[in-house]
Amino acid sequence: MRSSARKELHNRSVISRVRRSEKGLRATLAAGKKEDAAKSLPEVLSVIDKAVKSRVLTRNAANRKKSRLTLAFNRVK
């Protein structure tokens, strides 16, 4: 397997993990389940930080995502 194909496969899996976790958190917030969201928010932020660590996301993009998710969490009553 070519190196570029291997890296593309890895990057795609990391990005899909970020999107899946973000989508799950947003669905929980939309349902108004703040207790469940409070448990999953740190996990989602950790997934985003791991994507930065493996250089799939840039630091600024990760901070923007984390900020928007935290704001959405704080808006839920």
N, C-alpha and C. Protein backbone atom coordinates (compact mmCIF):
# COMPACT_ATOMS: atom_id res chain seq x y z
N MET A 1 0.85 -1.18 0.00
CA MET A 1 0.00 0.00 0.00
C MET A 1 0.89 1.24 0.00
N ARG A 2 0.53 2.15 -0.86
CA ARG A 2 1.31 3.38 -0.92
C ARG A 2 1.15 4.17 0.37
N SER A 3 2.17 4.93 0.69
CA SER A 3 2.16 5.72 1.92
C SER A 3 1.02 6.73 1.90
N SER A 4 0.80 7.36 0.76
CA SER A 4 -0.26 8.37 0.68
C SER A 4 -1.63 7.73 0.87
N ALA A 5 -1.83 6.54 0.35
CA ALA A 5 -3.11 5.86 0.51
C ALA A 5 -3.33 5.47 1.96
N ARG A 6 -2.26 5.05 2.63
CA ARG A 6 -2.37 4.67 4.04
C ARG A 6 -2.70 5.89 4.89
N LYS A 7 -2.04 7.01 4.59
CA LYS A 7 -2.31 8.24 5.34
C LYS A 7 -3.72 8.75 5.08
N GLU A 8 -4.18 8.62 3.83
CA GLU A 8 -5.54 9.06 3.50
C GLU A 8 -6.56 8.22 4.26
N LEU A 9 -6.34 6.93 4.35
CA LEU A 9 -7.24 6.06 5.08
C LEU A 9 -7.29 6.42 6.56
N HIS A 10 -6.12 6.69 7.14
CA HIS A 10 -6.05 7.08 8.55
C HIS A 10 -6.75 8.42 8.77
N ASN A 11 -6.45 9.39 7.92
CA ASN A 11 -7.05 10.72 8.07
C ASN A 11 -8.57 10.66 7.94
N ARG A 12 -9.05 9.85 7.00
CA ARG A 12 -10.48 9.74 6.80
C ARG A 12 -11.16 9.13 8.03
N SER A 13 -10.51 8.14 8.63
CA SER A 13 -11.11 7.53 9.81
C SER A 13 -11.14 8.50 10.99
N VAL A 14 -10.09 9.30 11.13
CA VAL A 14 -10.05 10.29 12.22
C VAL A 14 -11.12 11.36 12.01
N ILE A 15 -11.24 11.85 10.79
CA ILE A 15 -12.23 12.88 10.48
C ILE A 15 -13.65 12.34 10.71
N SER A 16 -13.89 11.10 10.29
CA SER A 16 -15.22 10.55 10.49
C SER A 16 -15.53 10.34 11.97
N ARG A 17 -14.50 10.01 12.76
CA ARG A 17 -14.70 9.86 14.20
C ARG A 17 -15.07 11.21 14.81
N VAL A 18 -14.41 12.28 14.37
CA VAL A 18 -14.72 13.63 14.87
C VAL A 18 -16.15 14.00 14.50
N ARG A 19 -16.51 13.77 13.23
CA ARG A 19 -17.85 14.14 12.77
C ARG A 19 -18.94 13.35 13.49
N ARG A 20 -18.70 12.04 13.66
CA ARG A 20 -19.68 11.20 14.35
C ARG A 20 -19.90 11.66 15.78
N SER A 21 -18.82 11.93 16.49
CA SER A 21 -18.96 12.34 17.89
C SER A 21 -19.61 13.72 17.99
N GLU A 22 -19.24 14.62 17.08
CA GLU A 22 -19.84 15.96 17.08
C GLU A 22 -21.34 15.88 16.77
N LYS A 23 -21.69 15.05 15.80
CA LYS A 23 -23.09 14.90 15.42
C LYS A 23 -23.90 14.30 16.56
N GLY A 24 -23.33 13.33 17.27
CA GLY A 24 -24.01 12.72 18.40
C GLY A 24 -24.26 13.71 19.52
N LEU A 25 -23.27 14.54 19.79
CA LEU A 25 -23.42 15.56 20.83
C LEU A 25 -24.49 16.56 20.44
N ARG A 26 -24.48 17.01 19.19
CA ARG A 26 -25.49 17.98 18.75
C ARG A 26 -26.90 17.38 18.80
N ALA A 27 -27.03 16.10 18.48
CA ALA A 27 -28.33 15.44 18.56
C ALA A 27 -28.81 15.37 20.01
N THR A 28 -27.89 15.08 20.92
CA THR A 28 -28.24 15.04 22.34
C THR A 28 -28.67 16.42 22.83
N LEU A 29 -27.96 17.45 22.37
CA LEU A 29 -28.32 18.81 22.76
C LEU A 29 -29.67 19.21 22.18
N ALA A 30 -29.94 18.81 20.94
CA ALA A 30 -31.21 19.14 20.31
C ALA A 30 -32.38 18.47 21.03
N ALA A 31 -32.11 17.30 21.59
CA ALA A 31 -33.15 16.60 22.34
C ALA A 31 -33.33 17.19 23.73
N GLY A 32 -32.43 18.09 24.13
CA GLY A 32 -32.55 18.75 25.43
C GLY A 32 -32.04 17.92 26.59
N LYS A 33 -31.24 16.91 26.32
CA LYS A 33 -30.70 16.04 27.37
C LYS A 33 -29.35 16.58 27.84
N LYS A 34 -29.41 17.58 28.70
CA LYS A 34 -28.18 18.24 29.13
C LYS A 34 -27.30 17.33 29.98
N GLU A 35 -27.90 16.43 30.76
CA GLU A 35 -27.10 15.53 31.61
C GLU A 35 -26.25 14.59 30.75
N ASP A 36 -26.88 14.03 29.70
CA ASP A 36 -26.15 13.15 28.78
C ASP A 36 -25.09 13.92 28.02
N ALA A 37 -25.42 15.15 27.64
CA ALA A 37 -24.47 15.98 26.91
C ALA A 37 -23.29 16.35 27.79
N ALA A 38 -23.54 16.55 29.08
CA ALA A 38 -22.45 16.89 30.00
C ALA A 38 -21.46 15.74 30.11
N LYS A 39 -21.94 14.51 29.97
CA LYS A 39 -21.05 13.36 30.01
C LYS A 39 -20.26 13.20 28.72
N SER A 40 -20.91 13.50 27.58
CA SER A 40 -20.24 13.26 26.30
C SER A 40 -19.40 14.44 25.81
N LEU A 41 -19.63 15.64 26.35
CA LEU A 41 -18.85 16.80 25.90
C LEU A 41 -17.34 16.62 26.09
N PRO A 42 -16.86 16.19 27.26
CA PRO A 42 -15.41 15.99 27.40
C PRO A 42 -14.85 14.93 26.46
N GLU A 43 -15.65 13.91 26.16
CA GLU A 43 -15.21 12.87 25.23
C GLU A 43 -15.05 13.43 23.82
N VAL A 44 -16.00 14.27 23.41
CA VAL A 44 -15.95 14.87 22.08
C VAL A 44 -14.74 15.81 21.98
N LEU A 45 -14.52 16.60 23.02
CA LEU A 45 -13.37 17.51 23.01
C LEU A 45 -12.06 16.73 22.96
N SER A 46 -12.02 15.58 23.61
CA SER A 46 -10.84 14.73 23.57
C SER A 46 -10.60 14.17 22.17
N VAL A 47 -11.67 13.77 21.49
CA VAL A 47 -11.55 13.26 20.12
C VAL A 47 -10.99 14.35 19.21
N ILE A 48 -11.46 15.57 19.40
CA ILE A 48 -10.97 16.70 18.58
C ILE A 48 -9.49 16.95 18.86
N ASP A 49 -9.10 16.92 20.14
CA ASP A 49 -7.69 17.13 20.48
C ASP A 49 -6.80 16.03 19.91
N LYS A 50 -7.30 14.80 19.88
CA LYS A 50 -6.53 13.71 19.30
C LYS A 50 -6.36 13.88 17.79
N ALA A 51 -7.36 14.47 17.14
CA ALA A 51 -7.25 14.75 15.71
C ALA A 51 -6.17 15.80 15.45
N VAL A 52 -6.04 16.76 16.36
CA VAL A 52 -4.98 17.76 16.24
C VAL A 52 -3.62 17.12 16.47
N LYS A 53 -3.56 16.21 17.43
CA LYS A 53 -2.31 15.55 17.76
C LYS A 53 -1.78 14.74 16.56
N SER A 54 -2.70 14.14 15.81
CA SER A 54 -2.28 13.37 14.65
C SER A 54 -2.24 14.23 13.38
N ARG A 55 -2.38 15.54 13.55
CA ARG A 55 -2.27 16.54 12.47
C ARG A 55 -3.31 16.37 11.38
N VAL A 56 -4.48 15.91 11.75
CA VAL A 56 -5.58 15.81 10.80
C VAL A 56 -6.35 17.12 10.78
N LEU A 57 -6.52 17.73 11.96
CA LEU A 57 -7.13 19.05 12.08
C LEU A 57 -6.06 20.05 12.51
N THR A 58 -6.24 21.31 12.08
CA THR A 58 -5.33 22.34 12.56
C THR A 58 -5.79 22.79 13.94
N ARG A 59 -4.92 23.41 14.69
CA ARG A 59 -5.24 23.86 16.04
C ARG A 59 -6.38 24.88 16.01
N ASN A 60 -6.36 25.79 15.03
CA ASN A 60 -7.42 26.81 14.96
C ASN A 60 -8.78 26.19 14.65
N ALA A 61 -8.82 25.25 13.74
CA ALA A 61 -10.08 24.59 13.39
C ALA A 61 -10.62 23.83 14.60
N ALA A 62 -9.74 23.18 15.33
CA ALA A 62 -10.15 22.44 16.52
C ALA A 62 -10.69 23.39 17.59
N ASN A 63 -10.00 24.49 17.81
CA ASN A 63 -10.46 25.46 18.81
C ASN A 63 -11.81 26.04 18.43
N ARG A 64 -12.02 26.27 17.12
CA ARG A 64 -13.30 26.80 16.65
C ARG A 64 -14.41 25.78 16.91
N LYS A 65 -14.17 24.51 16.58
CA LYS A 65 -15.16 23.46 16.82
C LYS A 65 -15.48 23.34 18.31
N LYS A 66 -14.44 23.32 19.13
CA LYS A 66 -14.63 23.17 20.57
C LYS A 66 -15.41 24.35 21.14
N SER A 67 -15.10 25.54 20.67
CA SER A 67 -15.79 26.74 21.14
C SER A 67 -17.27 26.69 20.78
N ARG A 68 -17.58 26.31 19.54
CA ARG A 68 -18.97 26.28 19.10
C ARG A 68 -19.77 25.20 19.82
N LEU A 69 -19.12 24.06 20.07
CA LEU A 69 -19.81 23.00 20.80
C LEU A 69 -20.08 23.41 22.25
N THR A 70 -19.10 24.08 22.86
CA THR A 70 -19.28 24.52 24.25
C THR A 70 -20.37 25.58 24.34
N LEU A 71 -20.40 26.50 23.37
CA LEU A 71 -21.46 27.50 23.35
C LEU A 71 -22.83 26.85 23.19
N ALA A 72 -22.92 25.87 22.30
CA ALA A 72 -24.19 25.17 22.10
C ALA A 72 -24.60 24.44 23.37
N PHE A 73 -23.64 23.86 24.08
CA PHE A 73 -23.92 23.17 25.34
C PHE A 73 -24.44 24.16 26.38
N ASN A 74 -23.83 25.32 26.46
CA ASN A 74 -24.22 26.32 27.46
C ASN A 74 -25.58 26.94 27.14
N ARG A 75 -26.00 26.92 25.87
CA ARG A 75 -27.31 27.47 25.48
C ARG A 75 -28.46 26.57 25.90
N VAL A 76 -28.20 25.27 26.07
CA VAL A 76 -29.27 24.34 26.45
C VAL A 76 -29.64 24.56 27.90
N LYS A 77 -30.93 24.54 28.19
CA LYS A 77 -31.38 24.80 29.56
C LYS A 77 -31.67 23.51 30.27
